Amino acid sequence: MPPTRQRSPACGSRESGSPRRDSGDSHGSSWPTLSCATATNTTGEELIRAGTPEGWTIGDRTGAGGYGTRNAIAVRWPPEREPIVLAVMSTRETDGAESGNSLIADATEVALDALSQD
């Protein structure tokens, strides 16, 4: 089981099922904020979350499609740094191919390593 990453601070915990709503939103209080919508995602544990260091706050959304397509987009808040936005997508050449969750996690690690080189 991957280490637990912190959820976005703009939302209630995913376990509580009670996300904070943004009453200033033009859609009214029934629409969650972007931070809340990404923080409550439960499908990304093996994707970008798996390639993100412990101690970072993260909010993500995931998707999948034909040809083994798998994708994830995330906002990650490293401790004491500005947030990092990362989108990763992979696909295969064969219809019905299985998606590679570990490929997304590995690409995340490579991207974070490259960004830390500056």
PDB file of N, CA and C in Angstrom:
ATOM      1  N   MET A   1       0.847  -1.171   0.000  1.00  0.00           N
ATOM      2  CA  MET A   1       0.000   0.000   0.000  1.00  0.00           C
ATOM      3  C   MET A   1       0.896   1.240   0.000  1.00  0.00           C
ATOM      4  N   PRO A   2       0.625   2.211  -0.910  1.00  0.00           N
ATOM      5  CA  PRO A   2       1.467   3.404  -0.979  1.00  0.00           C
ATOM      6  C   PRO A   2       1.311   4.268   0.266  1.00  0.00           C
ATOM      7  N   PRO A   3       2.331   5.072   0.578  1.00  0.00           N
ATOM      8  CA  PRO A   3       2.229   5.968   1.731  1.00  0.00           C
ATOM      9  C   PRO A   3       1.088   6.957   1.532  1.00  0.00           C
ATOM     10  N   THR A   4       0.508   7.401   2.617  1.00  0.00           N
ATOM     11  CA  THR A   4      -0.597   8.351   2.544  1.00  0.00           C
ATOM     12  C   THR A   4      -0.070   9.750   2.295  1.00  0.00           C
ATOM     13  N   ARG A   5      -0.655  10.429   1.339  1.00  0.00           N
ATOM     14  CA  ARG A   5      -0.326  11.824   1.055  1.00  0.00           C
ATOM     15  C   ARG A   5      -1.413  12.690   1.674  1.00  0.00           C
ATOM     16  N   GLN A   6      -1.090  13.901   2.030  1.00  0.00           N
ATOM     17  CA  GLN A   6      -2.076  14.813   2.593  1.00  0.00           C
ATOM     18  C   GLN A   6      -3.039  15.246   1.501  1.00  0.00           C
ATOM     19  N   ARG A   7      -4.284  15.447   1.869  1.00  0.00           N
ATOM     20  CA  ARG A   7      -5.283  15.954   0.941  1.00  0.00           C
ATOM     21  C   ARG A   7      -5.248  17.475   0.962  1.00  0.00           C
ATOM     22  N   SER A   8      -5.812  18.075  -0.058  1.00  0.00           N
ATOM     23  CA  SER A   8      -5.850  19.526  -0.149  1.00  0.00           C
ATOM     24  C   SER A   8      -6.506  20.123   1.086  1.00  0.00           C
ATOM     25  N   PRO A   9      -5.939  21.188   1.662  1.00  0.00           N
ATOM     26  CA  PRO A   9      -6.473  21.765   2.886  1.00  0.00           C
ATOM     27  C   PRO A   9      -7.794  22.503   2.683  1.00  0.00           C
ATOM     28  N   ALA A  10      -8.231  22.719   1.457  1.00  0.00           N
ATOM     29  CA  ALA A  10      -9.440  23.490   1.196  1.00  0.00           C
ATOM     30  C   ALA A  10     -10.707  22.668   1.324  1.00  0.00           C
ATOM     31  N   CYS A  11     -10.606  21.437   1.772  1.00  0.00           N
ATOM     32  CA  CYS A  11     -11.755  20.545   1.770  1.00  0.00           C
ATOM     33  C   CYS A  11     -11.769  19.707   3.036  1.00  0.00           C
ATOM     34  N   GLY A  12     -12.936  19.231   3.427  1.00  0.00           N
ATOM     35  CA  GLY A  12     -13.021  18.295   4.531  1.00  0.00           C
ATOM     36  C   GLY A  12     -12.320  17.011   4.151  1.00  0.00           C
ATOM     37  N   SER A  13     -12.080  16.136   5.085  1.00  0.00           N
ATOM     38  CA  SER A  13     -11.377  14.896   4.759  1.00  0.00           C
ATOM     39  C   SER A  13     -12.243  14.009   3.889  1.00  0.00           C
ATOM     40  N   ARG A  14     -11.616  13.209   3.067  1.00  0.00           N
ATOM     41  CA  ARG A  14     -12.376  12.332   2.185  1.00  0.00           C
ATOM     42  C   ARG A  14     -13.131  11.309   3.022  1.00  0.00           C
ATOM     43  N   GLU A  15     -12.611  10.941   4.172  1.00  0.00           N
ATOM     44  CA  GLU A  15     -13.279   9.977   5.024  1.00  0.00           C
ATOM     45  C   GLU A  15     -14.547  10.554   5.647  1.00  0.00           C
ATOM     46  N   SER A  16     -14.560  11.856   5.913  1.00  0.00           N
ATOM     47  CA  SER A  16     -15.717  12.445   6.578  1.00  0.00           C
ATOM     48  C   SER A  16     -16.883  12.623   5.637  1.00  0.00           C
ATOM     49  N   GLY A  17     -16.583  12.675   4.327  1.00  0.00           N
ATOM     50  CA  GLY A  17     -17.647  12.866   3.357  1.00  0.00           C
ATOM     51  C   GLY A  17     -18.300  14.230   3.428  1.00  0.00           C
ATOM     52  N   SER A  18     -17.645  15.195   4.097  1.00  0.00           N
ATOM     53  CA  SER A  18     -18.252  16.505   4.245  1.00  0.00           C
ATOM     54  C   SER A  18     -17.319  17.599   3.729  1.00  0.00           C
ATOM     55  N   PRO A  19     -17.164  17.689   2.399  1.00  0.00           N
ATOM     56  CA  PRO A  19     -16.287  18.721   1.859  1.00  0.00           C
ATOM     57  C   PRO A  19     -16.826  20.115   2.094  1.00  0.00           C
ATOM     58  N   ARG A  20     -15.914  21.056   2.275  1.00  0.00           N
ATOM     59  CA  ARG A  20     -16.289  22.453   2.432  1.00  0.00           C
ATOM     60  C   ARG A  20     -16.743  22.978   1.075  1.00  0.00           C
ATOM     61  N   ARG A  21     -17.782  23.767   1.057  1.00  0.00           N
ATOM     62  CA  ARG A  21     -18.287  24.346  -0.181  1.00  0.00           C
ATOM     63  C   ARG A  21     -17.904  25.807  -0.251  1.00  0.00           C
ATOM     64  N   ASP A  22     -17.726  26.306  -1.447  1.00  0.00           N
ATOM     65  CA  ASP A  22     -17.350  27.697  -1.664  1.00  0.00           C
ATOM     66  C   ASP A  22     -18.599  28.500  -1.997  1.00  0.00           C
ATOM     67  N   SER A  23     -19.157  29.206  -1.026  1.00  0.00           N
ATOM     68  CA  SER A  23     -20.393  29.946  -1.254  1.00  0.00           C
ATOM     69  C   SER A  23     -20.188  31.149  -2.160  1.00  0.00           C
ATOM     70  N   GLY A  24     -18.929  31.541  -2.419  1.00  0.00           N
ATOM     71  CA  GLY A  24     -18.668  32.646  -3.319  1.00  0.00           C
ATOM     72  C   GLY A  24     -18.629  32.227  -4.776  1.00  0.00           C
ATOM     73  N   ASP A  25     -18.752  30.950  -5.037  1.00  0.00           N
ATOM     74  CA  ASP A  25     -18.732  30.409  -6.390  1.00  0.00           C
ATOM     75  C   ASP A  25     -19.947  30.903  -7.161  1.00  0.00           C
ATOM     76  N   SER A  26     -19.767  31.203  -8.433  1.00  0.00           N
ATOM     77  CA  SER A  26     -20.874  31.697  -9.239  1.00  0.00           C
ATOM     78  C   SER A  26     -21.960  30.645  -9.430  1.00  0.00           C
ATOM     79  N   HIS A  27     -21.642  29.379  -9.140  1.00  0.00           N
ATOM     80  CA  HIS A  27     -22.629  28.323  -9.272  1.00  0.00           C
ATOM     81  C   HIS A  27     -23.391  28.098  -7.969  1.00  0.00           C
ATOM     82  N   GLY A  28     -23.077  28.835  -6.938  1.00  0.00           N
ATOM     83  CA  GLY A  28     -23.748  28.663  -5.659  1.00  0.00           C
ATOM     84  C   GLY A  28     -23.020  27.672  -4.774  1.00  0.00           C
ATOM     85  N   SER A  29     -23.554  27.473  -3.583  1.00  0.00           N
ATOM     86  CA  SER A  29     -22.859  26.673  -2.583  1.00  0.00           C
ATOM     87  C   SER A  29     -22.914  25.173  -2.860  1.00  0.00           C
ATOM     88  N   SER A  30     -23.654  24.727  -3.860  1.00  0.00           N
ATOM     89  CA  SER A  30     -23.712  23.293  -4.120  1.00  0.00           C
ATOM     90  C   SER A  30     -22.535  22.792  -4.945  1.00  0.00           C
ATOM     91  N   TRP A  31     -21.735  23.675  -5.504  1.00  0.00           N
ATOM     92  CA  TRP A  31     -20.589  23.264  -6.320  1.00  0.00           C
ATOM     93  C   TRP A  31     -19.325  23.306  -5.480  1.00  0.00           C
ATOM     94  N   PRO A  32     -18.545  22.203  -5.462  1.00  0.00           N
ATOM     95  CA  PRO A  32     -17.295  22.212  -4.691  1.00  0.00           C
ATOM     96  C   PRO A  32     -16.229  23.045  -5.396  1.00  0.00           C
ATOM     97  N   THR A  33     -15.272  23.507  -4.635  1.00  0.00           N
ATOM     98  CA  THR A  33     -14.140  24.218  -5.223  1.00  0.00           C
ATOM     99  C   THR A  33     -13.254  23.216  -5.939  1.00  0.00           C
ATOM    100  N   LEU A  34     -12.382  23.705  -6.815  1.00  0.00           N
ATOM    101  CA  LEU A  34     -11.453  22.822  -7.511  1.00  0.00           C
ATOM    102  C   LEU A  34     -10.603  22.049  -6.521  1.00  0.00           C
ATOM    103  N   SER A  35     -10.130  22.723  -5.494  1.00  0.00           N
ATOM    104  CA  SER A  35      -9.297  22.037  -4.501  1.00  0.00           C
ATOM    105  C   SER A  35     -10.053  20.903  -3.835  1.00  0.00           C
ATOM    106  N   CYS A  36     -11.296  21.142  -3.510  1.00  0.00           N
ATOM    107  CA  CYS A  36     -12.105  20.115  -2.863  1.00  0.00           C
ATOM    108  C   CYS A  36     -12.365  18.953  -3.817  1.00  0.00           C
ATOM    109  N   ALA A  37     -12.698  19.260  -5.060  1.00  0.00           N
ATOM    110  CA  ALA A  37     -12.992  18.205  -6.032  1.00  0.00           C
ATOM    111  C   ALA A  37     -11.783  17.318  -6.272  1.00  0.00           C
ATOM    112  N   THR A  38     -10.600  17.886  -6.282  1.00  0.00           N
ATOM    113  CA  THR A  38      -9.402  17.078  -6.517  1.00  0.00           C
ATOM    114  C   THR A  38      -8.947  16.361  -5.252  1.00  0.00           C
ATOM    115  N   ALA A  39      -9.180  16.948  -4.104  1.00  0.00           N
ATOM    116  CA  ALA A  39      -8.723  16.345  -2.850  1.00  0.00           C
ATOM    117  C   ALA A  39      -9.525  15.118  -2.486  1.00  0.00           C
ATOM    118  N   THR A  40     -10.766  15.047  -2.910  1.00  0.00           N
ATOM    119  CA  THR A  40     -11.614  13.918  -2.542  1.00  0.00           C
ATOM    120  C   THR A  40     -11.544  12.777  -3.548  1.00  0.00           C
ATOM    121  N   ASN A  41     -10.725  12.900  -4.570  1.00  0.00           N
ATOM    122  CA  ASN A  41     -10.559  11.831  -5.547  1.00  0.00           C
ATOM    123  C   ASN A  41      -9.969  10.597  -4.871  1.00  0.00           C
ATOM    124  N   THR A  42     -10.526   9.446  -5.155  1.00  0.00           N
ATOM    125  CA  THR A  42     -10.040   8.212  -4.534  1.00  0.00           C
ATOM    126  C   THR A  42      -9.392   7.265  -5.542  1.00  0.00           C
ATOM    127  N   THR A  43      -9.280   7.656  -6.811  1.00  0.00           N
ATOM    128  CA  THR A  43      -8.774   6.741  -7.832  1.00  0.00           C
ATOM    129  C   THR A  43      -7.303   6.944  -8.173  1.00  0.00           C
ATOM    130  N   GLY A  44      -6.643   7.922  -7.573  1.00  0.00           N
ATOM    131  CA  GLY A  44      -5.282   8.247  -7.969  1.00  0.00           C
ATOM    132  C   GLY A  44      -4.164   7.706  -7.117  1.00  0.00           C
ATOM    133  N   GLU A  45      -4.446   6.825  -6.192  1.00  0.00           N
ATOM    134  CA  GLU A  45      -3.399   6.344  -5.282  1.00  0.00           C
ATOM    135  C   GLU A  45      -2.236   5.675  -6.006  1.00  0.00           C
ATOM    136  N   GLU A  46      -2.477   5.006  -7.135  1.00  0.00           N
ATOM    137  CA  GLU A  46      -1.409   4.299  -7.857  1.00  0.00           C
ATOM    138  C   GLU A  46      -0.835   5.138  -9.000  1.00  0.00           C
ATOM    139  N   LEU A  47      -1.270   6.376  -9.138  1.00  0.00           N
ATOM    140  CA  LEU A  47      -0.852   7.204 -10.263  1.00  0.00           C
ATOM    141  C   LEU A  47       0.085   8.309  -9.795  1.00  0.00           C
ATOM    142  N   ILE A  48      -0.284   9.568  -9.984  1.00  0.00           N
ATOM    143  CA  ILE A  48       0.582  10.688  -9.588  1.00  0.00           C
ATOM    144  C   ILE A  48       0.832  10.676  -8.080  1.00  0.00           C
ATOM    145  N   ARG A  49      -0.161  10.308  -7.299  1.00  0.00           N
ATOM    146  CA  ARG A  49       0.040  10.257  -5.846  1.00  0.00           C
ATOM    147  C   ARG A  49       1.173   9.305  -5.481  1.00  0.00           C
ATOM    148  N   ALA A  50       1.271   8.174  -6.199  1.00  0.00           N
ATOM    149  CA  ALA A  50       2.315   7.182  -5.899  1.00  0.00           C
ATOM    150  C   ALA A  50       3.714   7.717  -6.196  1.00  0.00           C
ATOM    151  N   GLY A  51       3.829   8.663  -7.122  1.00  0.00           N
ATOM    152  CA  GLY A  51       5.128   9.221  -7.464  1.00  0.00           C
ATOM    153  C   GLY A  51       5.454  10.516  -6.751  1.00  0.00           C
ATOM    154  N   THR A  52       4.595  10.913  -5.824  1.00  0.00           N
ATOM    155  CA  THR A  52       4.772  12.167  -5.089  1.00  0.00           C
ATOM    156  C   THR A  52       5.344  11.882  -3.703  1.00  0.00           C
ATOM    157  N   PRO A  53       6.353  12.630  -3.276  1.00  0.00           N
ATOM    158  CA  PRO A  53       6.961  12.388  -1.965  1.00  0.00           C
ATOM    159  C   PRO A  53       5.966  12.549  -0.809  1.00  0.00           C
ATOM    160  N   GLU A  54       6.216  11.826   0.255  1.00  0.00           N
ATOM    161  CA  GLU A  54       5.415  11.975   1.471  1.00  0.00           C
ATOM    162  C   GLU A  54       5.556  13.395   1.994  1.00  0.00           C
ATOM    163  N   GLY A  55       4.522  13.896   2.645  1.00  0.00           N
ATOM    164  CA  GLY A  55       4.566  15.226   3.229  1.00  0.00           C
ATOM    165  C   GLY A  55       4.046  16.313   2.302  1.00  0.00           C
ATOM    166  N   TRP A  56       3.815  15.987   1.037  1.00  0.00           N
ATOM    167  CA  TRP A  56       3.257  16.955   0.106  1.00  0.00           C
ATOM    168  C   TRP A  56       1.735  16.875   0.156  1.00  0.00           C
ATOM    169  N   THR A  57       1.083  18.003   0.023  1.00  0.00           N
ATOM    170  CA  THR A  57      -0.367  18.025  -0.107  1.00  0.00           C
ATOM    171  C   THR A  57      -0.677  17.869  -1.586  1.00  0.00           C
ATOM    172  N   ILE A  58      -1.689  17.070  -1.910  1.00  0.00           N
ATOM    173  CA  ILE A  58      -1.980  16.787  -3.318  1.00  0.00           C
ATOM    174  C   ILE A  58      -3.475  16.697  -3.576  1.00  0.00           C
ATOM    175  N   GLY A  59      -3.874  17.191  -4.719  1.00  0.00           N
ATOM    176  CA  GLY A  59      -5.234  17.039  -5.225  1.00  0.00           C
ATOM    177  C   GLY A  59      -5.116  16.583  -6.666  1.00  0.00           C
ATOM    178  N   ASP A  60      -5.857  15.552  -7.056  1.00  0.00           N
ATOM    179  CA  ASP A  60      -5.721  15.039  -8.411  1.00  0.00           C
ATOM    180  C   ASP A  60      -7.043  14.539  -8.976  1.00  0.00           C
ATOM    181  N   ARG A  61      -7.054  14.379 -10.286  1.00  0.00           N
ATOM    182  CA  ARG A  61      -8.166  13.771 -11.006  1.00  0.00           C
ATOM    183  C   ARG A  61      -7.558  12.786 -11.989  1.00  0.00           C
ATOM    184  N   THR A  62      -8.266  11.699 -12.259  1.00  0.00           N
ATOM    185  CA  THR A  62      -7.741  10.652 -13.120  1.00  0.00           C
ATOM    186  C   THR A  62      -8.736  10.300 -14.214  1.00  0.00           C
ATOM    187  N   GLY A  63      -8.247   9.590 -15.216  1.00  0.00           N
ATOM    188  CA  GLY A  63      -9.115   9.132 -16.287  1.00  0.00           C
ATOM    189  C   GLY A  63      -8.515   7.931 -16.984  1.00  0.00           C
ATOM    190  N   ALA A  64      -9.338   7.276 -17.798  1.00  0.00           N
ATOM    191  CA  ALA A  64      -8.896   6.107 -18.556  1.00  0.00           C
ATOM    192  C   ALA A  64      -9.721   6.022 -19.829  1.00  0.00           C
ATOM    193  N   GLY A  65      -9.205   5.308 -20.804  1.00  0.00           N
ATOM    194  CA  GLY A  65      -9.917   5.151 -22.064  1.00  0.00           C
ATOM    195  C   GLY A  65      -9.438   3.928 -22.810  1.00  0.00           C
ATOM    196  N   GLY A  66      -9.869   3.818 -24.056  1.00  0.00           N
ATOM    197  CA  GLY A  66      -9.480   2.710 -24.905  1.00  0.00           C
ATOM    198  C   GLY A  66      -7.987   2.704 -25.174  1.00  0.00           C
ATOM    199  N   TYR A  67      -7.504   1.614 -25.703  1.00  0.00           N
ATOM    200  CA  TYR A  67      -6.083   1.439 -26.016  1.00  0.00           C
ATOM    201  C   TYR A  67      -5.197   1.573 -24.782  1.00  0.00           C
ATOM    202  N   GLY A  68      -5.724   1.214 -23.634  1.00  0.00           N
ATOM    203  CA  GLY A  68      -4.934   1.270 -22.407  1.00  0.00           C
ATOM    204  C   GLY A  68      -4.589   2.681 -21.962  1.00  0.00           C
ATOM    205  N   THR A  69      -5.346   3.656 -22.463  1.00  0.00           N
ATOM    206  CA  THR A  69      -5.068   5.051 -22.107  1.00  0.00           C
ATOM    207  C   THR A  69      -5.316   5.271 -20.620  1.00  0.00           C
ATOM    208  N   ARG A  70      -4.391   5.943 -19.987  1.00  0.00           N
ATOM    209  CA  ARG A  70      -4.503   6.302 -18.566  1.00  0.00           C
ATOM    210  C   ARG A  70      -3.961   7.704 -18.422  1.00  0.00           C
ATOM    211  N   ASN A  71      -4.628   8.528 -17.614  1.00  0.00           N
ATOM    212  CA  ASN A  71      -4.143   9.889 -17.418  1.00  0.00           C
ATOM    213  C   ASN A  71      -4.451  10.367 -16.015  1.00  0.00           C
ATOM    214  N   ALA A  72      -3.704  11.365 -15.621  1.00  0.00           N
ATOM    215  CA  ALA A  72      -3.905  11.989 -14.314  1.00  0.00           C
ATOM    216  C   ALA A  72      -3.395  13.419 -14.391  1.00  0.00           C
ATOM    217  N   ILE A  73      -4.061  14.290 -13.660  1.00  0.00           N
ATOM    218  CA  ILE A  73      -3.608  15.668 -13.509  1.00  0.00           C
ATOM    219  C   ILE A  73      -3.659  15.980 -12.020  1.00  0.00           C
ATOM    220  N   ALA A  74      -2.666  16.699 -11.554  1.00  0.00           N
ATOM    221  CA  ALA A  74      -2.600  16.965 -10.117  1.00  0.00           C
ATOM    222  C   ALA A  74      -1.991  18.328  -9.834  1.00  0.00           C
ATOM    223  N   VAL A  75      -2.427  18.893  -8.726  1.00  0.00           N
ATOM    224  CA  VAL A  75      -1.767  20.053  -8.135  1.00  0.00           C
ATOM    225  C   VAL A  75      -1.137  19.521  -6.863  1.00  0.00           C
ATOM    226  N   ARG A  76       0.157  19.731  -6.737  1.00  0.00           N
ATOM    227  CA  ARG A  76       0.895  19.259  -5.569  1.00  0.00           C
ATOM    228  C   ARG A  76       1.534  20.444  -4.880  1.00  0.00           C
ATOM    229  N   TRP A  77       1.379  20.490  -3.583  1.00  0.00           N
ATOM    230  CA  TRP A  77       1.956  21.567  -2.787  1.00  0.00           C
ATOM    231  C   TRP A  77       3.100  20.999  -1.960  1.00  0.00           C
ATOM    232  N   PRO A  78       4.357  21.200  -2.428  1.00  0.00           N
ATOM    233  CA  PRO A  78       5.489  20.744  -1.625  1.00  0.00           C
ATOM    234  C   PRO A  78       5.601  21.621  -0.369  1.00  0.00           C
ATOM    235  N   PRO A  79       6.163  21.086   0.690  1.00  0.00           N
ATOM    236  CA  PRO A  79       6.361  21.905   1.884  1.00  0.00           C
ATOM    237  C   PRO A  79       7.208  23.139   1.564  1.00  0.00           C
ATOM    238  N   GLU A  80       6.745  24.293   1.973  1.00  0.00           N
ATOM    239  CA  GLU A  80       7.502  25.552   1.859  1.00  0.00           C
ATOM    240  C   GLU A  80       7.825  25.957   0.425  1.00  0.00           C
ATOM    241  N   ARG A  81       7.051  25.507  -0.562  1.00  0.00           N
ATOM    242  CA  ARG A  81       7.277  25.886  -1.960  1.00  0.00           C
ATOM    243  C   ARG A  81       5.955  26.186  -2.641  1.00  0.00           C
ATOM    244  N   GLU A  82       6.052  26.782  -3.813  1.00  0.00           N
ATOM    245  CA  GLU A  82       4.874  27.055  -4.618  1.00  0.00           C
ATOM    246  C   GLU A  82       4.303  25.736  -5.149  1.00  0.00           C
ATOM    247  N   PRO A  83       2.998  25.686  -5.462  1.00  0.00           N
ATOM    248  CA  PRO A  83       2.412  24.451  -5.979  1.00  0.00           C
ATOM    249  C   PRO A  83       2.964  24.088  -7.359  1.00  0.00           C
ATOM    250  N   ILE A  84       2.918  22.815  -7.672  1.00  0.00           N
ATOM    251  CA  ILE A  84       3.348  22.286  -8.964  1.00  0.00           C
ATOM    252  C   ILE A  84       2.148  21.600  -9.602  1.00  0.00           C
ATOM    253  N   VAL A  85       1.863  21.934 -10.858  1.00  0.00           N
ATOM    254  CA  VAL A  85       0.790  21.276 -11.601  1.00  0.00           C
ATOM    255  C   VAL A  85       1.440  20.305 -12.584  1.00  0.00           C
ATOM    256  N   LEU A  86       0.940  19.083 -12.618  1.00  0.00           N
ATOM    257  CA  LEU A  86       1.496  18.069 -13.507  1.00  0.00           C
ATOM    258  C   LEU A  86       0.361  17.287 -14.147  1.00  0.00           C
ATOM    259  N   ALA A  87       0.438  17.091 -15.462  1.00  0.00           N
ATOM    260  CA  ALA A  87      -0.502  16.230 -16.188  1.00  0.00           C
ATOM    261  C   ALA A  87       0.312  15.157 -16.899  1.00  0.00           C
ATOM    262  N   VAL A  88      -0.112  13.911 -16.776  1.00  0.00           N
ATOM    263  CA  VAL A  88       0.586  12.789 -17.397  1.00  0.00           C
ATOM    264  C   VAL A  88      -0.449  11.917 -18.094  1.00  0.00           C
ATOM    265  N   MET A  89      -0.128  11.498 -19.333  1.00  0.00           N
ATOM    266  CA  MET A  89      -1.012  10.608 -20.079  1.00  0.00           C
ATOM    267  C   MET A  89      -0.179   9.537 -20.762  1.00  0.00           C
ATOM    268  N   SER A  90      -0.688   8.324 -20.760  1.00  0.00           N
ATOM    269  CA  SER A  90      -0.035   7.246 -21.499  1.00  0.00           C
ATOM    270  C   SER A  90      -1.100   6.497 -22.294  1.00  0.00           C
ATOM    271  N   THR A  91      -0.684   5.899 -23.401  1.00  0.00           N
ATOM    272  CA  THR A  91      -1.588   5.095 -24.213  1.00  0.00           C
ATOM    273  C   THR A  91      -0.788   3.978 -24.875  1.00  0.00           C
ATOM    274  N   ARG A  92      -1.457   2.985 -25.363  1.00  0.00           N
ATOM    275  CA  ARG A  92      -0.826   1.831 -26.022  1.00  0.00           C
ATOM    276  C   ARG A  92      -1.242   1.813 -27.500  1.00  0.00           C
ATOM    277  N   GLU A  93      -0.626   0.948 -28.275  1.00  0.00           N
ATOM    278  CA  GLU A  93      -0.956   0.853 -29.701  1.00  0.00           C
ATOM    279  C   GLU A  93      -2.036  -0.186 -29.988  1.00  0.00           C
ATOM    280  N   THR A  94      -2.419  -0.990 -28.994  1.00  0.00           N
ATOM    281  CA  THR A  94      -3.355  -2.084 -29.198  1.00  0.00           C
ATOM    282  C   THR A  94      -4.686  -1.817 -28.509  1.00  0.00           C
ATOM    283  N   ASP A  95      -5.777  -1.946 -29.273  1.00  0.00           N
ATOM    284  CA  ASP A  95      -7.107  -1.804 -28.689  1.00  0.00           C
ATOM    285  C   ASP A  95      -7.297  -2.888 -27.633  1.00  0.00           C
ATOM    286  N   GLY A  96      -7.841  -2.516 -26.496  1.00  0.00           N
ATOM    287  CA  GLY A  96      -8.060  -3.464 -25.408  1.00  0.00           C
ATOM    288  C   GLY A  96      -6.849  -3.690 -24.519  1.00  0.00           C
ATOM    289  N   ALA A  97      -5.764  -2.980 -24.774  1.00  0.00           N
ATOM    290  CA  ALA A  97      -4.557  -3.128 -23.943  1.00  0.00           C
ATOM    291  C   ALA A  97      -4.842  -2.658 -22.519  1.00  0.00           C
ATOM    292  N   GLU A  98      -4.116  -3.226 -21.585  1.00  0.00           N
ATOM    293  CA  GLU A  98      -4.260  -2.794 -20.192  1.00  0.00           C
ATOM    294  C   GLU A  98      -3.485  -1.501 -19.977  1.00  0.00           C
ATOM    295  N   SER A  99      -4.015  -0.670 -19.095  1.00  0.00           N
ATOM    296  CA  SER A  99      -3.322   0.590 -18.790  1.00  0.00           C
ATOM    297  C   SER A  99      -2.196   0.324 -17.802  1.00  0.00           C
ATOM    298  N   GLY A 100      -1.225   1.219 -17.794  1.00  0.00           N
ATOM    299  CA  GLY A 100      -0.072   1.065 -16.916  1.00  0.00           C
ATOM    300  C   GLY A 100      -0.037   2.132 -15.840  1.00  0.00           C
ATOM    301  N   ASN A 101      -0.637   1.841 -14.691  1.00  0.00           N
ATOM    302  CA  ASN A 101      -0.624   2.807 -13.596  1.00  0.00           C
ATOM    303  C   ASN A 101       0.787   3.155 -13.157  1.00  0.00           C
ATOM    304  N   SER A 102       1.663   2.152 -13.124  1.00  0.00           N
ATOM    305  CA  SER A 102       3.029   2.405 -12.662  1.00  0.00           C
ATOM    306  C   SER A 102       3.772   3.346 -13.609  1.00  0.00           C
ATOM    307  N   LEU A 103       3.401   3.348 -14.883  1.00  0.00           N
ATOM    308  CA  LEU A 103       4.020   4.264 -15.833  1.00  0.00           C
ATOM    309  C   LEU A 103       3.732   5.718 -15.446  1.00  0.00           C
ATOM    310  N   ILE A 104       2.515   5.996 -14.995  1.00  0.00           N
ATOM    311  CA  ILE A 104       2.156   7.351 -14.558  1.00  0.00           C
ATOM    312  C   ILE A 104       2.950   7.723 -13.307  1.00  0.00           C
ATOM    313  N   ALA A 105       3.047   6.798 -12.359  1.00  0.00           N
ATOM    314  CA  ALA A 105       3.814   7.052 -11.133  1.00  0.00           C
ATOM    315  C   ALA A 105       5.288   7.275 -11.454  1.00  0.00           C
ATOM    316  N   ASP A 106       5.844   6.454 -12.348  1.00  0.00           N
ATOM    317  CA  ASP A 106       7.254   6.606 -12.728  1.00  0.00           C
ATOM    318  C   ASP A 106       7.499   7.939 -13.437  1.00  0.00           C
ATOM    319  N   ALA A 107       6.598   8.324 -14.336  1.00  0.00           N
ATOM    320  CA  ALA A 107       6.736   9.605 -15.044  1.00  0.00           C
ATOM    321  C   ALA A 107       6.670  10.772 -14.065  1.00  0.00           C
ATOM    322  N   THR A 108       5.842  10.633 -13.038  1.00  0.00           N
ATOM    323  CA  THR A 108       5.750  11.674 -12.003  1.00  0.00           C
ATOM    324  C   THR A 108       7.088  11.843 -11.289  1.00  0.00           C
ATOM    325  N   GLU A 109       7.704  10.739 -10.908  1.00  0.00           N
ATOM    326  CA  GLU A 109       8.999  10.805 -10.231  1.00  0.00           C
ATOM    327  C   GLU A 109      10.052  11.456 -11.117  1.00  0.00           C
ATOM    328  N   VAL A 110      10.085  11.099 -12.401  1.00  0.00           N
ATOM    329  CA  VAL A 110      11.050  11.674 -13.334  1.00  0.00           C
ATOM    330  C   VAL A 110      10.818  13.182 -13.466  1.00  0.00           C
ATOM    331  N   ALA A 111       9.561  13.587 -13.606  1.00  0.00           N
ATOM    332  CA  ALA A 111       9.245  15.012 -13.747  1.00  0.00           C
ATOM    333  C   ALA A 111       9.646  15.791 -12.487  1.00  0.00           C
ATOM    334  N   LEU A 112       9.347  15.242 -11.323  1.00  0.00           N
ATOM    335  CA  LEU A 112       9.702  15.933 -10.072  1.00  0.00           C
ATOM    336  C   LEU A 112      11.207  16.025  -9.908  1.00  0.00           C
ATOM    337  N   ASP A 113      11.933  14.977 -10.303  1.00  0.00           N
ATOM    338  CA  ASP A 113      13.397  15.023 -10.245  1.00  0.00           C
ATOM    339  C   ASP A 113      13.922  16.123 -11.155  1.00  0.00           C
ATOM    340  N   ALA A 114      13.369  16.220 -12.366  1.00  0.00           N
ATOM    341  CA  ALA A 114      13.817  17.252 -13.322  1.00  0.00           C
ATOM    342  C   ALA A 114      13.495  18.651 -12.795  1.00  0.00           C
ATOM    343  N   LEU A 115      12.341  18.819 -12.191  1.00  0.00           N
ATOM    344  CA  LEU A 115      11.974  20.134 -11.656  1.00  0.00           C
ATOM    345  C   LEU A 115      12.833  20.529 -10.456  1.00  0.00           C
ATOM    346  N   SER A 116      13.343  19.563  -9.726  1.00  0.00           N
ATOM    347  CA  SER A 116      14.165  19.889  -8.549  1.00  0.00           C
ATOM    348  C   SER A 116      15.595  20.204  -8.929  1.00  0.00           C
ATOM    349  N   GLN A 117      15.961  20.023 -10.199  1.00  0.00           N
ATOM    350  CA  GLN A 117      17.318  20.304 -10.666  1.00  0.00           C
ATOM    351  C   GLN A 117      17.586  21.783 -10.853  1.00  0.00           C
ATOM    352  N   ASP A 118      16.539  22.612 -10.813  1.00  0.00           N
ATOM    353  CA  ASP A 118      16.748  24.051 -11.080  1.00  0.00           C
ATOM    354  C   ASP A 118      17.420  24.699  -9.962  1.00  0.00           C
TER     355      ASP A 118
END
